[in-house]
Amino acid sequence: MMGLGLAQQLLKLGHTVAIIDIDPLACRFAREKIGVMAFEGSAVSTIVLLEAGIRQANAVVAALRDDALNLALITLSRSYGISHIVVRMRDREFLEAYRLAQASHIISTVDLAVATMANAIEYPQVESMMHFEQGQVEVLKLPVPGDCYVASRTVAEIAQDSRFPSSSLIIGYQRHASASLEIPNGKTVLEAGSTILVVTRTEQVHQMVDYLGIQASHLPTLEVSHPNL
C-alpha cells in the first residue's frame, strides 16, 4: 500500500511512474484505480526491469519485502545507470550495506514511525516533527503562546540569546493558521498565537521546547496504553 500511495503522489506531481509487483491483484489495482503502468513479476529480474523501462528511468524506489532484495535491486539499477535510488530500510542492520551500495536516500519507515509516536507522547504540544540524517536532525513546528518567552521578540534577538539552543535555526514563520508560511529574517517579530518552524539537533529538542516556555510540566499527565501484540 505504501508503494501504491507513493505512485499516486508522484503522479500528482507530474511524474511518469511504472510499478513492478509480484502480486497480480496489486498490479491490476495500480492500473485500474491509480492509472499507472504496472508490470507483474520480480523487481530483481532483468527482463521485468527492462520491460518496465528502467533504461529510461530517472529514479528507482526500492521498497521490496526484504532488505536483501532491495540491495539486489539497487545493484541492478546502478548497472543500468540509475543514480537516484531511494530505498525503504526494514532492518537497521542493513544500513551500512545500503550505504556501500550507494543508495541515494535510505528511509527507515519503522524508525520514522517509532520516533513520531514517541515524540507525540513526549511532546504533545508540538504539532509535527520531521527527521533527517537518520534521526540526527529534527524540524519542529512549534506554537508561540501568549506567555511564551519569544513572543514579541525579533528573530535576531532570539538568535543572540545565549539560552537559545546552539546549532538551531528558525526557518519558517506562520502568523496564523490560514496565513502563508514565510521565510523569516532577523527583523521578523514573532507574534503571540503564531507558529514557527525550527531546525535543531535531536538531543536539543527538549531544550528548544523548554526555551520557548512550552514545558512538559504545564501539560496534563498522559496515560499511555500498549495494545497486546
C-alpha atoms as a PDB file:
ATOM      1  CA  MET A   1       0.000   0.000   0.000  1.00  0.00           C
ATOM      2  CA  MET A   2       2.904   2.377   0.633  1.00  0.00           C
ATOM      3  CA  GLY A   3       4.163   1.837  -2.901  1.00  0.00           C
ATOM      4  CA  LEU A   4       0.730   2.480  -4.396  1.00  0.00           C
ATOM      5  CA  GLY A   5       0.324   5.611  -2.280  1.00  0.00           C
ATOM      6  CA  LEU A   6       3.742   6.855  -3.377  1.00  0.00           C
ATOM      7  CA  ALA A   7       2.901   6.182  -7.020  1.00  0.00           C
ATOM      8  CA  GLN A   8      -0.315   8.161  -6.695  1.00  0.00           C
ATOM      9  CA  GLN A   9       1.526  11.093  -5.109  1.00  0.00           C
ATOM     10  CA  LEU A  10       4.222  11.080  -7.792  1.00  0.00           C
ATOM     11  CA  LEU A  11       1.552  11.095 -10.500  1.00  0.00           C
ATOM     12  CA  LYS A  12       0.040  14.225  -8.950  1.00  0.00           C
ATOM     13  CA  LEU A  13       3.498  15.829  -9.103  1.00  0.00           C
ATOM     14  CA  GLY A  14       3.678  15.147 -12.829  1.00  0.00           C
ATOM     15  CA  HIS A  15       5.970  12.118 -12.900  1.00  0.00           C
ATOM     16  CA  THR A  16       5.609   9.084 -15.155  1.00  0.00           C
ATOM     17  CA  VAL A  17       5.508   6.002 -12.905  1.00  0.00           C
ATOM     18  CA  ALA A  18       5.967   2.292 -13.517  1.00  0.00           C
ATOM     19  CA  ILE A  19       5.283  -0.216 -10.747  1.00  0.00           C
ATOM     20  CA  ILE A  20       6.704  -3.736 -10.523  1.00  0.00           C
ATOM     21  CA  ASP A  21       4.980  -6.206  -8.188  1.00  0.00           C
ATOM     22  CA  ILE A  22       4.743  -9.974  -7.905  1.00  0.00           C
ATOM     23  CA  ASP A  23       1.078  -9.696  -6.875  1.00  0.00           C
ATOM     24  CA  PRO A  24      -1.234  -9.614  -9.925  1.00  0.00           C
ATOM     25  CA  LEU A  25      -4.028  -8.054  -7.866  1.00  0.00           C
ATOM     26  CA  ALA A  26      -1.766  -5.173  -6.842  1.00  0.00           C
ATOM     27  CA  CYS A  27      -0.795  -4.622 -10.478  1.00  0.00           C
ATOM     28  CA  ARG A  28      -4.431  -4.652 -11.567  1.00  0.00           C
ATOM     29  CA  PHE A  29      -5.375  -2.188  -8.817  1.00  0.00           C
ATOM     30  CA  ALA A  30      -2.498   0.098  -9.821  1.00  0.00           C
ATOM     31  CA  ARG A  31      -3.609   0.140 -13.457  1.00  0.00           C
ATOM     32  CA  GLU A  32      -7.370   0.475 -12.906  1.00  0.00           C
ATOM     33  CA  LYS A  33      -7.590   2.636  -9.792  1.00  0.00           C
ATOM     34  CA  ILE A  34      -4.435   4.745  -9.921  1.00  0.00           C
ATOM     35  CA  GLY A  35      -3.700   4.812 -13.632  1.00  0.00           C
ATOM     36  CA  VAL A  36      -0.011   3.870 -13.604  1.00  0.00           C
ATOM     37  CA  MET A  37       1.854   1.306 -15.645  1.00  0.00           C
ATOM     38  CA  ALA A  38       2.202  -1.911 -13.652  1.00  0.00           C
ATOM     39  CA  PHE A  39       4.313  -4.941 -14.508  1.00  0.00           C
ATOM     40  CA  GLU A  40       3.787  -8.295 -12.850  1.00  0.00           C
ATOM     41  CA  GLY A  41       6.963 -10.089 -11.824  1.00  0.00           C
ATOM     42  CA  SER A  42      10.117  -9.785  -9.763  1.00  0.00           C
ATOM     43  CA  ALA A  43      11.777  -6.382  -9.453  1.00  0.00           C
ATOM     44  CA  VAL A  44      15.168  -8.128  -9.434  1.00  0.00           C
ATOM     45  CA  SER A  45      14.519  -9.729 -12.816  1.00  0.00           C
ATOM     46  CA  THR A  46      16.403  -8.004 -15.632  1.00  0.00           C
ATOM     47  CA  ILE A  47      13.666  -8.997 -18.064  1.00  0.00           C
ATOM     48  CA  VAL A  48      10.952  -7.329 -15.992  1.00  0.00           C
ATOM     49  CA  LEU A  49      13.090  -4.260 -15.294  1.00  0.00           C
ATOM     50  CA  LEU A  50      13.728  -3.742 -18.997  1.00  0.00           C
ATOM     51  CA  GLU A  51      10.046  -4.256 -19.784  1.00  0.00           C
ATOM     52  CA  ALA A  52       9.169  -1.613 -17.193  1.00  0.00           C
ATOM     53  CA  GLY A  53      11.552   0.824 -18.888  1.00  0.00           C
ATOM     54  CA  ILE A  54      14.432   1.082 -16.461  1.00  0.00           C
ATOM     55  CA  ARG A  55      16.742   2.342 -19.213  1.00  0.00           C
ATOM     56  CA  GLN A  56      14.573   5.451 -19.486  1.00  0.00           C
ATOM     57  CA  ALA A  57      14.085   5.941 -15.733  1.00  0.00           C
ATOM     58  CA  ASN A  58      15.479   8.878 -13.770  1.00  0.00           C
ATOM     59  CA  ALA A  59      14.921   7.282 -10.367  1.00  0.00           C
ATOM     60  CA  VAL A  60      14.119   3.967  -8.692  1.00  0.00           C
ATOM     61  CA  VAL A  61      12.343   3.329  -5.391  1.00  0.00           C
ATOM     62  CA  ALA A  62      13.323   0.029  -3.757  1.00  0.00           C
ATOM     63  CA  ALA A  63      10.509  -0.941  -1.375  1.00  0.00           C
ATOM     64  CA  LEU A  64      10.559  -4.725  -1.618  1.00  0.00           C
ATOM     65  CA  ARG A  65       9.566  -7.254   1.033  1.00  0.00           C
ATOM     66  CA  ASP A  66      13.065  -7.675   2.469  1.00  0.00           C
ATOM     67  CA  ASP A  67      16.339  -5.759   2.544  1.00  0.00           C
ATOM     68  CA  ALA A  68      18.358  -8.380   0.666  1.00  0.00           C
ATOM     69  CA  LEU A  69      16.082  -7.979  -2.350  1.00  0.00           C
ATOM     70  CA  ASN A  70      16.342  -4.206  -2.078  1.00  0.00           C
ATOM     71  CA  LEU A  71      20.142  -4.489  -2.201  1.00  0.00           C
ATOM     72  CA  ALA A  72      19.897  -6.605  -5.337  1.00  0.00           C
ATOM     73  CA  LEU A  73      17.586  -4.037  -6.936  1.00  0.00           C
ATOM     74  CA  ILE A  74      19.997  -1.206  -6.071  1.00  0.00           C
ATOM     75  CA  THR A  75      22.873  -3.087  -7.705  1.00  0.00           C
ATOM     76  CA  LEU A  76      20.843  -3.803 -10.839  1.00  0.00           C
ATOM     77  CA  SER A  77      19.632  -0.210 -11.018  1.00  0.00           C
ATOM     78  CA  ARG A  78      23.211   1.036 -10.813  1.00  0.00           C
ATOM     79  CA  SER A  79      24.175  -1.274 -13.656  1.00  0.00           C
ATOM     80  CA  TYR A  80      21.566   0.474 -15.824  1.00  0.00           C
ATOM     81  CA  GLY A  81      22.968   3.883 -14.963  1.00  0.00           C
ATOM     82  CA  ILE A  82      20.360   4.949 -12.398  1.00  0.00           C
ATOM     83  CA  SER A  83      21.989   7.391  -9.963  1.00  0.00           C
ATOM     84  CA  HIS A  84      18.937   8.389  -7.905  1.00  0.00           C
ATOM     85  CA  ILE A  85      17.814   5.398  -5.815  1.00  0.00           C
ATOM     86  CA  VAL A  86      15.510   5.683  -2.794  1.00  0.00           C
ATOM     87  CA  VAL A  87      15.289   2.635  -0.541  1.00  0.00           C
ATOM     88  CA  ARG A  88      12.944   1.670   2.283  1.00  0.00           C
ATOM     89  CA  MET A  89      15.003   0.015   5.006  1.00  0.00           C
ATOM     90  CA  ARG A  90      13.273  -2.585   7.175  1.00  0.00           C
ATOM     91  CA  ASP A  91      16.223  -3.720   9.337  1.00  0.00           C
ATOM     92  CA  ARG A  92      18.807  -1.220  10.587  1.00  0.00           C
ATOM     93  CA  GLU A  93      21.495  -3.902  10.307  1.00  0.00           C
ATOM     94  CA  PHE A  94      21.393  -3.238   6.556  1.00  0.00           C
ATOM     95  CA  LEU A  95      22.193   0.471   6.932  1.00  0.00           C
ATOM     96  CA  GLU A  96      25.909   0.151   6.179  1.00  0.00           C
ATOM     97  CA  ALA A  97      25.213  -2.256   3.329  1.00  0.00           C
ATOM     98  CA  TYR A  98      22.843   0.284   1.766  1.00  0.00           C
ATOM     99  CA  ARG A  99      25.481   2.977   2.129  1.00  0.00           C
ATOM    100  CA  LEU A 100      28.099   0.772   0.480  1.00  0.00           C
ATOM    101  CA  ALA A 101      25.620   0.050  -2.313  1.00  0.00           C
ATOM    102  CA  GLN A 102      25.337   3.850  -2.745  1.00  0.00           C
ATOM    103  CA  ALA A 103      21.617   4.253  -2.194  1.00  0.00           C
ATOM    104  CA  SER A 104      20.809   7.944  -2.612  1.00  0.00           C
ATOM    105  CA  HIS A 105      18.287   8.038   0.231  1.00  0.00           C
ATOM    106  CA  ILE A 106      17.784   5.435   2.968  1.00  0.00           C
ATOM    107  CA  ILE A 107      14.424   5.692   4.711  1.00  0.00           C
ATOM    108  CA  SER A 108      13.587   3.561   7.718  1.00  0.00           C
ATOM    109  CA  THR A 109       9.800   3.507   7.971  1.00  0.00           C
ATOM    110  CA  VAL A 110       9.989   1.725  11.337  1.00  0.00           C
ATOM    111  CA  ASP A 111      12.356   4.325  12.803  1.00  0.00           C
ATOM    112  CA  LEU A 112      10.193   7.149  11.480  1.00  0.00           C
ATOM    113  CA  ALA A 113       7.034   5.654  12.955  1.00  0.00           C
ATOM    114  CA  VAL A 114       8.645   4.929  16.333  1.00  0.00           C
ATOM    115  CA  ALA A 115      10.206   8.391  16.576  1.00  0.00           C
ATOM    116  CA  THR A 116       6.968  10.085  15.544  1.00  0.00           C
ATOM    117  CA  MET A 117       4.877   8.199  18.096  1.00  0.00           C
ATOM    118  CA  ALA A 118       7.427   8.691  20.881  1.00  0.00           C
ATOM    119  CA  ASN A 119       7.572  12.431  20.135  1.00  0.00           C
ATOM    120  CA  ALA A 120       3.769  12.641  20.045  1.00  0.00           C
ATOM    121  CA  ILE A 121       3.715  11.219  23.567  1.00  0.00           C
ATOM    122  CA  GLU A 122       6.693  13.201  24.888  1.00  0.00           C
ATOM    123  CA  TYR A 123       5.803  16.499  23.187  1.00  0.00           C
ATOM    124  CA  PRO A 124       2.028  16.600  22.539  1.00  0.00           C
ATOM    125  CA  GLN A 125       2.278  20.379  22.201  1.00  0.00           C
ATOM    126  CA  VAL A 126       4.498  20.044  19.118  1.00  0.00           C
ATOM    127  CA  GLU A 127       2.241  19.883  16.070  1.00  0.00           C
ATOM    128  CA  SER A 128       4.655  17.939  13.873  1.00  0.00           C
ATOM    129  CA  MET A 129       8.228  16.757  13.539  1.00  0.00           C
ATOM    130  CA  MET A 130      10.327  15.702  10.578  1.00  0.00           C
ATOM    131  CA  HIS A 131      13.513  13.689  10.865  1.00  0.00           C
ATOM    132  CA  PHE A 132      16.640  13.950   8.739  1.00  0.00           C
ATOM    133  CA  GLU A 133      20.082  12.353   8.619  1.00  0.00           C
ATOM    134  CA  GLN A 134      18.894   9.123  10.239  1.00  0.00           C
ATOM    135  CA  GLY A 135      17.221  10.975  13.099  1.00  0.00           C
ATOM    136  CA  GLN A 136      20.138  13.305  13.927  1.00  0.00           C
ATOM    137  CA  VAL A 137      18.298  16.474  12.859  1.00  0.00           C
ATOM    138  CA  GLU A 138      14.697  17.488  13.558  1.00  0.00           C
ATOM    139  CA  VAL A 139      12.388  20.096  12.028  1.00  0.00           C
ATOM    140  CA  LEU A 140       9.788  21.158  14.586  1.00  0.00           C
ATOM    141  CA  LYS A 141       6.541  23.041  14.089  1.00  0.00           C
ATOM    142  CA  LEU A 142       6.014  24.920  17.349  1.00  0.00           C
ATOM    143  CA  PRO A 143       3.338  27.279  18.650  1.00  0.00           C
ATOM    144  CA  VAL A 144       4.168  30.708  20.083  1.00  0.00           C
ATOM    145  CA  PRO A 145       1.778  31.068  23.066  1.00  0.00           C
ATOM    146  CA  GLY A 146       0.896  34.461  24.505  1.00  0.00           C
ATOM    147  CA  ASP A 147       3.027  33.897  27.619  1.00  0.00           C
ATOM    148  CA  CYS A 148       5.883  32.437  25.550  1.00  0.00           C
ATOM    149  CA  TYR A 149       9.339  33.967  26.090  1.00  0.00           C
ATOM    150  CA  VAL A 150       9.902  34.672  22.399  1.00  0.00           C
ATOM    151  CA  ALA A 151       6.555  36.401  21.793  1.00  0.00           C
ATOM    152  CA  SER A 152       7.013  39.999  20.549  1.00  0.00           C
ATOM    153  CA  ARG A 153      10.759  39.475  20.007  1.00  0.00           C
ATOM    154  CA  THR A 154      12.611  39.534  16.704  1.00  0.00           C
ATOM    155  CA  VAL A 155      14.368  36.514  15.243  1.00  0.00           C
ATOM    156  CA  ALA A 156      17.695  38.366  15.618  1.00  0.00           C
ATOM    157  CA  GLU A 157      17.092  38.970  19.340  1.00  0.00           C
ATOM    158  CA  ILE A 158      16.241  35.314  19.855  1.00  0.00           C
ATOM    159  CA  ALA A 159      19.289  34.093  17.924  1.00  0.00           C
ATOM    160  CA  GLN A 160      21.581  36.254  20.073  1.00  0.00           C
ATOM    161  CA  ASP A 161      20.142  34.905  23.302  1.00  0.00           C
ATOM    162  CA  SER A 162      22.682  32.622  24.989  1.00  0.00           C
ATOM    163  CA  ARG A 163      19.846  30.330  26.114  1.00  0.00           C
ATOM    164  CA  PHE A 164      18.715  29.678  22.539  1.00  0.00           C
ATOM    165  CA  PRO A 165      19.919  26.142  21.698  1.00  0.00           C
ATOM    166  CA  SER A 166      23.097  26.214  19.626  1.00  0.00           C
ATOM    167  CA  SER A 167      23.067  24.794  16.087  1.00  0.00           C
ATOM    168  CA  SER A 168      19.372  25.699  15.831  1.00  0.00           C
ATOM    169  CA  LEU A 169      17.625  27.948  13.303  1.00  0.00           C
ATOM    170  CA  ILE A 170      14.148  29.429  12.902  1.00  0.00           C
ATOM    171  CA  ILE A 171      13.422  28.719   9.222  1.00  0.00           C
ATOM    172  CA  GLY A 172       9.687  29.370   8.910  1.00  0.00           C
ATOM    173  CA  TYR A 173       7.024  31.646  10.322  1.00  0.00           C
ATOM    174  CA  GLN A 174       3.226  31.497  10.034  1.00  0.00           C
ATOM    175  CA  ARG A 175       1.316  34.397  11.605  1.00  0.00           C
ATOM    176  CA  HIS A 176      -1.919  32.412  11.917  1.00  0.00           C
ATOM    177  CA  ALA A 177      -3.395  29.126  10.722  1.00  0.00           C
ATOM    178  CA  SER A 178      -4.720  30.499   7.419  1.00  0.00           C
ATOM    179  CA  ALA A 179      -1.638  32.620   6.614  1.00  0.00           C
ATOM    180  CA  SER A 180       1.088  31.605   4.179  1.00  0.00           C
ATOM    181  CA  LEU A 181       4.355  30.270   5.528  1.00  0.00           C
ATOM    182  CA  GLU A 182       7.048  32.978   5.464  1.00  0.00           C
ATOM    183  CA  ILE A 183      10.833  32.719   5.427  1.00  0.00           C
ATOM    184  CA  PRO A 184      11.758  34.985   8.358  1.00  0.00           C
ATOM    185  CA  ASN A 185      14.672  37.405   8.533  1.00  0.00           C
ATOM    186  CA  GLY A 186      16.362  38.986  11.542  1.00  0.00           C
ATOM    187  CA  LYS A 187      13.731  41.737  11.772  1.00  0.00           C
ATOM    188  CA  THR A 188      10.742  39.365  11.783  1.00  0.00           C
ATOM    189  CA  VAL A 189       8.771  39.736  15.025  1.00  0.00           C
ATOM    190  CA  LEU A 190       7.262  36.533  16.383  1.00  0.00           C
ATOM    191  CA  GLU A 191       3.706  37.355  17.413  1.00  0.00           C
ATOM    192  CA  ALA A 192       1.748  35.527  20.088  1.00  0.00           C
ATOM    193  CA  GLY A 193      -0.507  32.904  18.538  1.00  0.00           C
ATOM    194  CA  SER A 194       1.784  32.359  15.570  1.00  0.00           C
ATOM    195  CA  THR A 195       3.680  29.209  14.575  1.00  0.00           C
ATOM    196  CA  ILE A 196       7.371  28.727  13.804  1.00  0.00           C
ATOM    197  CA  LEU A 197       9.449  26.066  12.069  1.00  0.00           C
ATOM    198  CA  VAL A 198      12.711  25.304  13.825  1.00  0.00           C
ATOM    199  CA  VAL A 199      15.649  23.144  12.768  1.00  0.00           C
ATOM    200  CA  THR A 200      17.576  21.641  15.673  1.00  0.00           C
ATOM    201  CA  ARG A 201      19.580  18.598  16.641  1.00  0.00           C
ATOM    202  CA  THR A 202      17.666  15.682  18.128  1.00  0.00           C
ATOM    203  CA  GLU A 203      19.355  15.987  21.515  1.00  0.00           C
ATOM    204  CA  GLN A 204      18.258  19.651  21.723  1.00  0.00           C
ATOM    205  CA  VAL A 205      14.535  19.142  21.119  1.00  0.00           C
ATOM    206  CA  HIS A 206      13.676  19.190  24.827  1.00  0.00           C
ATOM    207  CA  GLN A 207      15.880  22.263  25.331  1.00  0.00           C
ATOM    208  CA  MET A 208      14.126  24.064  22.486  1.00  0.00           C
ATOM    209  CA  VAL A 209      10.657  23.282  23.821  1.00  0.00           C
ATOM    210  CA  ASP A 210      11.693  24.461  27.294  1.00  0.00           C
ATOM    211  CA  TYR A 211      13.284  27.628  25.884  1.00  0.00           C
ATOM    212  CA  LEU A 212      10.003  28.608  24.289  1.00  0.00           C
ATOM    213  CA  GLY A 213       8.310  28.140  27.632  1.00  0.00           C
ATOM    214  CA  ILE A 214       6.192  25.201  26.464  1.00  0.00           C
ATOM    215  CA  GLN A 215       7.306  22.966  29.282  1.00  0.00           C
ATOM    216  CA  ALA A 216       6.069  19.438  29.869  1.00  0.00           C
ATOM    217  CA  SER A 217       5.193  20.399  33.439  1.00  0.00           C
ATOM    218  CA  HIS A 218       2.443  22.643  32.035  1.00  0.00           C
ATOM    219  CA  LEU A 219       0.805  19.696  30.301  1.00  0.00           C
ATOM    220  CA  PRO A 220      -1.771  17.259  31.621  1.00  0.00           C
ATOM    221  CA  THR A 221      -0.461  13.853  32.633  1.00  0.00           C
ATOM    222  CA  LEU A 222      -0.788  11.358  29.813  1.00  0.00           C
ATOM    223  CA  GLU A 223      -1.749   7.747  30.263  1.00  0.00           C
ATOM    224  CA  VAL A 224      -0.103   5.611  27.609  1.00  0.00           C
ATOM    225  CA  SER A 225      -1.664   2.282  26.746  1.00  0.00           C
ATOM    226  CA  HIS A 226       0.054  -0.500  24.843  1.00  0.00           C
ATOM    227  CA  PRO A 227      -2.177  -2.832  22.834  1.00  0.00           C
ATOM    228  CA  ASN A 228      -1.371  -6.507  23.146  1.00  0.00           C
ATOM    229  CA  LEU A 229       0.526  -7.637  20.068  1.00  0.00           C
END
